[in-house]
């Protein structure tokens, strides 16, 4: 699993990702979205935080899969929405 989602950015060392870790059915689950209040709360509480956005799992909002096809192969790619 690669965690290098921000390596292309010239200020990658200033970018952090928050995620919620919880247990579901006795197993550790990583949830890649956080509550809406997290960005304004962190900006207010930590002067070093200058901006932020939330990533939202698009499932339930829109068709969550991009379909790519090449000859007889079909690929499905889930995606996230961002609110800034």
Protein backbone atom coordinates (compact mmCIF):
# COMPACT_ATOMS: atom_id res chain seq x y z
CA UNK A 1 0.00 0.00 0.00
CA UNK A 2 1.42 3.38 -0.97
CA UNK A 3 0.89 6.38 1.28
CA UNK A 4 2.65 8.76 -1.12
CA UNK A 5 -0.49 10.58 -2.22
CA UNK A 6 1.10 14.03 -2.07
CA UNK A 7 4.66 13.54 -3.32
CA UNK A 8 4.04 15.56 -6.47
CA UNK A 9 3.34 18.77 -4.54
CA UNK A 10 6.20 21.25 -4.06
CA UNK A 11 5.21 21.67 -0.39
CA UNK A 12 4.52 17.99 0.26
CA UNK A 13 6.28 18.21 3.62
CA UNK A 14 3.52 20.62 4.76
CA UNK A 15 0.63 18.32 3.82
CA UNK A 16 -0.91 15.93 6.34
CA UNK A 17 -3.76 13.50 6.07
CA UNK A 18 -6.12 12.70 8.92
CA UNK A 19 -8.14 9.55 9.07
CA UNK A 20 -10.45 7.94 11.58
CA UNK A 21 -9.40 4.55 12.88
CA UNK A 22 -12.19 2.52 14.43
CA UNK A 23 -13.22 -1.07 15.04
CA UNK A 24 -16.01 -2.58 12.97
CA UNK A 25 -17.04 -6.15 13.66
CA UNK A 26 -13.94 -6.55 15.82
CA UNK A 27 -11.56 -5.51 13.03
CA UNK A 28 -9.59 -2.30 12.71
CA UNK A 29 -11.05 -0.15 9.93
CA UNK A 30 -9.51 2.97 8.40
CA UNK A 31 -12.08 5.55 7.44
CA UNK A 32 -10.65 8.16 5.10
CA UNK A 33 -13.16 10.89 5.93
CA UNK A 34 -13.53 13.05 9.01
CA UNK A 35 -16.33 15.14 10.51
CA UNK A 36 -17.13 18.52 8.86
CA UNK A 37 -15.96 20.57 11.85
CA UNK A 38 -12.40 19.23 11.79
CA UNK A 39 -10.92 21.79 9.36
CA UNK A 40 -12.24 24.98 11.03
CA UNK A 41 -11.48 23.53 14.47
CA UNK A 42 -7.88 22.74 13.54
CA UNK A 43 -7.36 26.14 11.89
CA UNK A 44 -8.69 27.86 15.02
CA UNK A 45 -6.81 25.64 17.49
CA UNK A 46 -3.45 25.26 15.75
CA UNK A 47 -1.84 28.42 14.30
CA UNK A 48 0.44 26.30 12.09
CA UNK A 49 -2.61 24.95 10.22
CA UNK A 50 -3.29 27.44 7.43
CA UNK A 51 -5.85 25.59 5.33
CA UNK A 52 -7.52 22.25 4.84
CA UNK A 53 -10.13 20.23 3.02
CA UNK A 54 -12.11 17.07 3.63
CA UNK A 55 -12.24 14.05 1.37
CA UNK A 56 -15.63 12.41 1.21
CA UNK A 57 -16.30 8.92 -0.07
CA UNK A 58 -18.50 9.60 -3.08
CA UNK A 59 -20.51 6.41 -2.61
CA UNK A 60 -24.13 7.31 -2.00
CA UNK A 61 -23.79 10.76 -3.57
CA UNK A 62 -22.96 9.98 -7.18
CA UNK A 63 -21.96 7.05 -9.36
CA UNK A 64 -18.73 6.22 -7.56
CA UNK A 65 -16.91 4.36 -10.26
CA UNK A 66 -15.15 5.58 -13.31
CA UNK A 67 -15.27 2.92 -15.95
CA UNK A 68 -12.29 2.57 -18.22
CA UNK A 69 -12.22 -0.02 -20.96
CA UNK A 70 -9.55 -1.22 -23.29
CA UNK A 71 -10.47 -3.97 -25.67
CA UNK A 72 -12.09 -6.70 -23.58
CA UNK A 73 -10.75 -5.43 -20.24
CA UNK A 74 -12.92 -3.16 -18.06
CA UNK A 75 -11.58 -1.24 -15.06
CA UNK A 76 -13.58 0.32 -12.26
CA UNK A 77 -12.00 3.11 -10.23
CA UNK A 78 -13.72 4.48 -7.09
CA UNK A 79 -13.09 8.12 -6.25
CA UNK A 80 -13.49 10.71 -3.49
CA UNK A 81 -15.07 14.15 -3.43
CA UNK A 82 -13.31 17.08 -1.76
CA UNK A 83 -14.86 20.06 -0.04
CA UNK A 84 -12.70 23.05 0.66
